[in-house]
């Protein structure tokens, strides 16, 4: 049983998005597609491995997809740990949109796409998952990790949408706005501290200072709302 009564007891989760892949720069729905990291992505993760080398990790959990397991394996050696795959951490599945660009989806499935843009939390394309479905599988995994590793540091490697949904839920944000309001850059680091399985404090968010000297600018790929309301300067 998780004990939160001992002063100073804190479980720290290092939540990491996988490094860049050949599909990162493409405006495609590719959550369920299996792809390895690009050389750029591997370099990003190697820099993160150096940053986390002294973090005294007790365990590493990762989505079973190739890009997340490869990220976890690059981060693991300094800690002498074997990454543990967890299906609940995989990326959101976009069903019959997978592999299509956003423009193609808007053209072929206009009504479906409009419903998803309006509320990606409760709506899912045919054969895909809603945000609610992702949280239903991901949050129990996070809870179990916190309960099983009290007062320890644990690395969790997952994906852009999954991490945004989990962080939004744990911090009490309006989860329906996760695509408009939150970003996750490749190989970014988030840190959440837990005093018990349901009370989390955000200590670091979307940080890529291990490989970039400026914060990530999300030029696109957040949501249509973001792109339409972006400034000209942001689009350069």
Protein backbone atom coordinates (compact mmCIF):
# COMPACT_ATOMS: atom_id res chain seq x y z
CA UNK A 1 0.00 0.00 0.00
CA UNK A 2 1.27 3.48 -0.89
CA UNK A 3 2.26 5.48 2.18
CA UNK A 4 2.19 9.28 1.97
CA UNK A 5 2.50 9.99 5.67
CA UNK A 6 6.28 9.79 5.94
CA UNK A 7 7.77 13.25 5.65
CA UNK A 8 9.95 13.70 2.58
CA UNK A 9 8.58 10.68 0.71
CA UNK A 10 8.35 11.59 -2.98
CA UNK A 11 8.13 9.46 -6.08
CA UNK A 12 9.60 11.25 -9.08
CA UNK A 13 8.60 10.31 -12.62
CA UNK A 14 10.76 11.40 -15.53
CA UNK A 15 8.28 11.46 -18.43
CA UNK A 16 10.06 11.44 -21.78
CA UNK A 17 8.80 11.59 -25.32
CA UNK A 18 10.74 9.43 -27.78
CA UNK A 19 13.31 11.10 -30.04
CA UNK A 20 12.62 12.28 -33.57
CA UNK A 21 11.75 9.74 -36.27
CA UNK A 22 11.64 10.00 -40.07
CA UNK A 23 7.93 10.84 -39.68
CA UNK A 24 8.35 13.63 -37.10
CA UNK A 25 8.46 16.44 -39.67
CA UNK A 26 5.54 15.06 -41.68
CA UNK A 27 2.03 16.26 -40.92
CA UNK A 28 0.71 12.69 -40.82
CA UNK A 29 -1.40 10.70 -38.41
CA UNK A 30 1.05 8.00 -37.39
CA UNK A 31 0.34 7.14 -33.75
CA UNK A 32 0.02 3.40 -34.26
CA UNK A 33 2.69 3.11 -36.96
CA UNK A 34 5.90 1.39 -35.90
CA UNK A 35 9.05 3.28 -36.84
CA UNK A 36 12.59 3.57 -35.47
CA UNK A 37 14.34 6.77 -34.49
CA UNK A 38 16.13 8.87 -37.08
CA UNK A 39 19.81 9.68 -36.59
CA UNK A 40 18.70 13.11 -35.34
CA UNK A 41 16.42 11.40 -32.84
CA UNK A 42 19.17 9.11 -31.58
CA UNK A 43 21.45 12.10 -31.09
CA UNK A 44 18.73 13.92 -29.12
CA UNK A 45 18.28 10.90 -26.86
CA UNK A 46 22.03 10.45 -26.33
CA UNK A 47 22.18 13.99 -25.01
CA UNK A 48 19.29 13.21 -22.68
CA UNK A 49 21.08 10.05 -21.50
CA UNK A 50 24.03 12.18 -20.40
CA UNK A 51 21.69 14.53 -18.59
CA UNK A 52 19.96 11.71 -16.71
CA UNK A 53 23.08 9.64 -16.02
CA UNK A 54 23.23 10.63 -12.34
CA UNK A 55 19.48 10.48 -11.67
CA UNK A 56 19.60 7.12 -9.83
CA UNK A 57 16.70 5.56 -11.67
CA UNK A 58 15.06 2.52 -10.13
CA UNK A 59 13.11 1.40 -13.20
CA UNK A 60 12.42 2.27 -16.83
CA UNK A 61 9.02 1.74 -18.43
CA UNK A 62 8.25 2.34 -22.10
CA UNK A 63 5.59 1.99 -24.73
CA UNK A 64 6.29 -1.20 -26.71
CA UNK A 65 6.54 0.61 -30.07
CA UNK A 66 9.98 0.61 -31.69
CA UNK A 67 10.65 4.34 -31.34
CA UNK A 68 9.95 4.35 -27.60
CA UNK A 69 11.78 1.11 -26.82
CA UNK A 70 14.80 2.34 -28.80
CA UNK A 71 14.72 5.59 -26.82
CA UNK A 72 14.52 3.65 -23.55
CA UNK A 73 17.41 1.39 -24.52
CA UNK A 74 19.64 4.38 -25.25
CA UNK A 75 18.77 5.91 -21.86
CA UNK A 76 19.16 2.68 -19.87
CA UNK A 77 22.91 1.80 -19.78
CA UNK A 78 24.07 4.30 -17.10
CA UNK A 79 21.45 2.82 -14.75
CA UNK A 80 22.05 -0.88 -15.55
CA UNK A 81 18.34 -1.40 -16.16
CA UNK A 82 16.31 -3.23 -18.77
CA UNK A 83 13.33 -1.23 -20.08
CA UNK A 84 9.96 -2.75 -19.22
CA UNK A 85 7.41 -2.52 -22.08
CA UNK A 86 3.91 -1.43 -21.08
CA UNK A 87 1.12 -1.46 -23.64
CA UNK A 88 -0.82 1.20 -21.76
CA UNK A 89 1.86 3.77 -22.64
CA UNK A 90 1.56 3.40 -26.42
CA UNK A 91 0.47 6.28 -28.63
CA UNK A 92 -3.11 7.12 -29.53
CA UNK A 93 -4.43 5.11 -32.48
CA UNK A 94 -6.05 7.19 -35.23
CA UNK A 95 -7.79 4.24 -36.87
CA UNK A 96 -8.36 4.60 -40.62
CA UNK A 97 -6.57 7.96 -40.59
CA UNK A 98 -3.22 6.32 -39.89
CA UNK A 99 -0.62 7.13 -42.54
CA UNK A 100 -2.68 9.98 -44.03
CA UNK A 101 -1.75 13.66 -43.91
CA UNK A 102 -4.03 16.07 -42.12
CA UNK A 103 -5.05 17.57 -45.48
CA UNK A 104 -5.96 14.12 -46.82
CA UNK A 105 -8.08 13.40 -43.75
CA UNK A 106 -9.86 16.75 -44.00
CA UNK A 107 -10.69 15.98 -47.65
CA UNK A 108 -11.73 12.33 -47.31
CA UNK A 109 -13.36 12.41 -43.87
CA UNK A 110 -14.44 16.02 -43.49
CA UNK A 111 -17.33 15.42 -41.06
CA UNK A 112 -15.33 13.03 -38.91
CA UNK A 113 -12.33 15.35 -38.83
CA UNK A 114 -14.46 18.34 -37.81
CA UNK A 115 -15.93 16.37 -34.90
CA UNK A 116 -12.44 15.31 -33.79
CA UNK A 117 -11.04 18.84 -33.99
CA UNK A 118 -13.96 20.06 -31.89
CA UNK A 119 -13.49 17.44 -29.17
CA UNK A 120 -10.58 14.99 -29.53
CA UNK A 121 -11.11 13.88 -25.93
CA UNK A 122 -14.43 12.10 -26.45
CA UNK A 123 -14.50 11.57 -30.24
CA UNK A 124 -12.45 9.01 -32.17
CA UNK A 125 -12.17 8.29 -35.89
CA UNK A 126 -13.39 4.92 -37.11
CA UNK A 127 -11.15 2.19 -35.70
CA UNK A 128 -9.27 4.67 -33.53
CA UNK A 129 -9.13 5.87 -29.95
CA UNK A 130 -10.49 8.90 -28.15
CA UNK A 131 -8.54 10.76 -25.51
CA UNK A 132 -10.72 9.09 -22.90
CA UNK A 133 -9.67 5.67 -24.20
CA UNK A 134 -6.00 6.60 -23.98
CA UNK A 135 -6.37 7.79 -20.40
CA UNK A 136 -8.31 4.65 -19.49
CA UNK A 137 -5.24 2.55 -20.30
CA UNK A 138 -2.42 4.99 -19.48
CA UNK A 139 -3.47 6.37 -16.08
CA UNK A 140 -3.66 2.94 -14.39
CA UNK A 141 -0.11 2.27 -15.59
CA UNK A 142 1.11 5.56 -14.13
CA UNK A 143 -0.68 4.86 -10.86
CA UNK A 144 0.83 1.38 -10.60
CA UNK A 145 4.31 2.77 -11.27
CA UNK A 146 3.89 5.37 -8.51
CA UNK A 147 2.54 2.77 -6.07
CA UNK A 148 5.26 0.23 -6.88
CA UNK A 149 8.17 2.68 -6.70
CA UNK A 150 7.44 4.91 -3.72
CA UNK A 151 10.26 7.31 -2.90
CA UNK A 152 12.13 6.34 -6.09
CA UNK A 153 12.99 7.87 -9.44
CA UNK A 154 11.41 6.19 -12.45
CA UNK A 155 11.74 6.88 -16.17
CA UNK A 156 8.64 6.58 -18.38
CA UNK A 157 9.07 6.79 -22.17
CA UNK A 158 5.91 7.44 -24.14
CA UNK A 159 4.45 9.56 -26.95
CA UNK A 160 3.26 13.07 -27.70
CA UNK A 161 -0.52 12.69 -27.35
CA UNK A 162 -0.34 10.15 -24.54
CA UNK A 163 1.95 12.34 -22.44
CA UNK A 164 -0.15 15.46 -23.03
CA UNK A 165 -3.29 13.62 -21.96
CA UNK A 166 -1.66 12.12 -18.86
CA UNK A 167 -0.12 15.41 -17.74
CA UNK A 168 -3.38 17.30 -18.33
CA UNK A 169 -5.35 14.78 -16.30
CA UNK A 170 -2.90 14.55 -13.40
CA UNK A 171 -2.66 18.33 -13.06
CA UNK A 172 -6.40 18.93 -13.35
CA UNK A 173 -6.34 20.79 -16.68
CA UNK A 174 -9.23 20.78 -19.13
CA UNK A 175 -8.24 17.66 -21.01
CA UNK A 176 -10.35 18.62 -24.04
CA UNK A 177 -7.77 21.31 -24.81
CA UNK A 178 -4.69 19.10 -24.67
CA UNK A 179 -3.91 19.53 -28.38
CA UNK A 180 -4.30 23.32 -28.35
CA UNK A 181 -2.46 24.11 -25.12
CA UNK A 182 0.32 21.57 -24.62
CA UNK A 183 3.24 20.48 -26.76
CA UNK A 184 5.83 17.72 -26.43
CA UNK A 185 9.02 18.10 -28.45
CA UNK A 186 11.03 15.04 -29.51
CA UNK A 187 13.15 13.68 -26.63
CA UNK A 188 11.73 16.25 -24.23
CA UNK A 189 11.85 15.82 -20.46
CA UNK A 190 8.96 16.35 -18.05
CA UNK A 191 9.25 15.77 -14.30
CA UNK A 192 6.31 15.04 -12.00
CA UNK A 193 6.63 14.51 -8.25
CA UNK A 194 4.04 12.44 -6.39
CA UNK A 195 3.22 12.42 -2.68
CA UNK A 196 0.50 9.84 -3.37
CA UNK A 197 -0.85 8.19 -6.53
CA UNK A 198 -3.29 10.99 -7.41
CA UNK A 199 -1.51 14.17 -6.31
CA UNK A 200 1.19 15.27 -8.71
CA UNK A 201 3.29 18.42 -8.85
CA UNK A 202 4.81 19.54 -12.16
CA UNK A 203 8.51 20.28 -11.70
CA UNK A 204 9.61 20.48 -15.35
CA UNK A 205 7.74 20.54 -18.66
CA UNK A 206 8.73 19.92 -22.29
CA UNK A 207 12.39 20.69 -21.63
CA UNK A 208 14.94 20.07 -24.41
CA UNK A 209 17.88 22.04 -23.03
CA UNK A 210 20.02 18.89 -23.28
CA UNK A 211 20.12 19.28 -27.06
CA UNK A 212 18.81 22.79 -27.85
CA UNK A 213 19.65 26.20 -26.43
CA UNK A 214 16.21 27.67 -27.17
CA UNK A 215 12.72 26.43 -26.25
CA UNK A 216 10.98 24.44 -28.95
CA UNK A 217 8.67 26.47 -31.22
CA UNK A 218 5.65 24.38 -32.28
CA UNK A 219 5.25 25.65 -35.86
CA UNK A 220 2.50 23.14 -36.58
CA UNK A 221 1.18 19.70 -35.66
CA UNK A 222 -0.55 20.85 -32.47
CA UNK A 223 -4.05 21.45 -33.79
CA UNK A 224 -5.82 23.29 -36.56
CA UNK A 225 -6.75 25.99 -34.03
CA UNK A 226 -3.08 26.55 -33.24
CA UNK A 227 -2.09 26.75 -36.90
CA UNK A 228 -4.90 29.16 -37.80
CA UNK A 229 -4.11 31.43 -34.86
CA UNK A 230 -0.35 31.27 -35.23
CA UNK A 231 1.48 34.48 -35.99
CA UNK A 232 3.38 35.09 -39.22
CA UNK A 233 6.61 35.19 -37.24
CA UNK A 234 5.92 31.80 -35.70
CA UNK A 235 5.44 30.27 -39.14
CA UNK A 236 8.85 31.30 -40.46
